[in-house]
Amino acid sequence: MCSFLISETIQYYKSHGSDIYMLSLDASKAFDRVKYTNVFKLLIEISVCPLVIRFLLNVYIFSSSTVKWNNCKSETFSISNVVKQGAIISAPLFAIYIDPLKDANEGCFIGNLCANAFAYADDIVLLSFSCTALRNLISICEAYAEDHEIRFNPDKCTLMIFSNLKNVDEYVNIMLCGSRIRNIANEKHLGHVFDTGFNNSLNLINIENVIRDMKVRTNTISAQFKPVSWKSKTTIFNSQCLSLYGCQLWRLDDPKVDQLCTTWKVCCRRLLNLSLRTRSRFIHHLMGTAPILDIIMYRMLSFFIAVLNNEDNLISNFFKNTLLANTLYMQVNIYKILERFNVTYHDLFSINKSKLKNILNNLKGEKDWQCNMLDELLSMRDGTVTTDLDLKYNEIKYMLNQVSTDFLFD
């Protein structure tokens, strides 16, 4: 969700003809520098349940630890600061710790909602439409960091500039803690690659790596699992090669999405050792899934429904605002998805995941007799079923080619 909010904000300002600056801050040993007194003070200020605060007080203040070296253990010592590394509660506590930064009325806004700072765990991103506003945000961060003993590492902080002007990064000089911040063209944020070299018809998120990774993994499975039955291969492929993490951020009118769908079909044919001319309508049935584009749309729609109906009014209102803006990713995708799934805008606020899953299954359709024949021929080819027919391997392969390409019926 954090990456989606960032991409929506960037796209919003870009569509209105404005440049936008994305500053990624690196807080050195962020969790280790959190002060208990400041955390619990903030929890009280935001009216967290006293019982929850008391529980957290007991968990953190009375924490102790030991150091083990080979077979030796140190004496027990108390932990007076830091939130626990890897603990589920640590990320929300750190977010609360830096939450006052959002009160700065600088940077980006969508409607009346401030969209200048985003944080997930210790990954902090600042967004601004001008260098002046960005410098003001940095000044606020530096002052807050000094008061709360947070240290930013300028060498690991990066700046991305989304602009229609060429070489604009050569004229921008942003300083943090007395050091110049590096200007870069692309940056990975929570597993998503943001790229400044996009235009209004392309994705902010680079999905070429997804396409490349699918090809590499398919070749690996085909080589290392050659003796395995075709059904086992499809299971491995669906779990290991179909990496759609972050597809909610993709833009459906980007040609790269069509390229991904084509690559998926090619990889499936290669995995099943079928003719390259095998009809596309058979592929998803043999793989035991819906068509990949429908899967992407399903994930997008599930995400949209979840955030639009989120209990947090700030998140819900943010996405409602983006839904009303005709220039954003969400709006571009929603038209295509609603038409494909045959649902209305009103359904977005009432439909549940069970009903949405049924719609996806209906789009998948039923297997016809040709697809059932391909299923049996593939099993016969791999020797996983026995038959009274005395067919040789080459004969089965020939029949597979004829049925899968509709050659017998053209």
Foldseek 3Di string as FASTA:
>chain_A
DLVLLVQQQCLVQVVVVFKKKKKKWAWPVLQQLFAPVLLLVLCVVVPPPPVVSVVVCCVQQADWDWDDDPPDIDDIDHDRGGDDPPDPCQFVSSCSSCVVLQVDPFATDQVPFGDAWTDGRRIIMGMHRDPVSVQVSLVVVVVSCVVSVIDIDQAPMEMEMQHPDPPPVVVDFHDHPRHTHYYDQWDADPNWIAGSPDDLQFASTDCVVLLVQLVVVLVVCCVPVVLPALLVLLVCCVVPNLDCVPLLRGAPRHVVVVVSLLSVQCSQCVSLVADPLFDPLLRCVSSVHARPVLVSLLVNLQVLLCQCQDPDVSSNVSSVSSCPDCRGRNVNSVVVSCVQLVHDPVVSPPPDSVVSVVSRVVNRPDDDPLSVVLVVLSCVLSVVDDDPDPDDNVRSNVVRRCSRNVVVPD
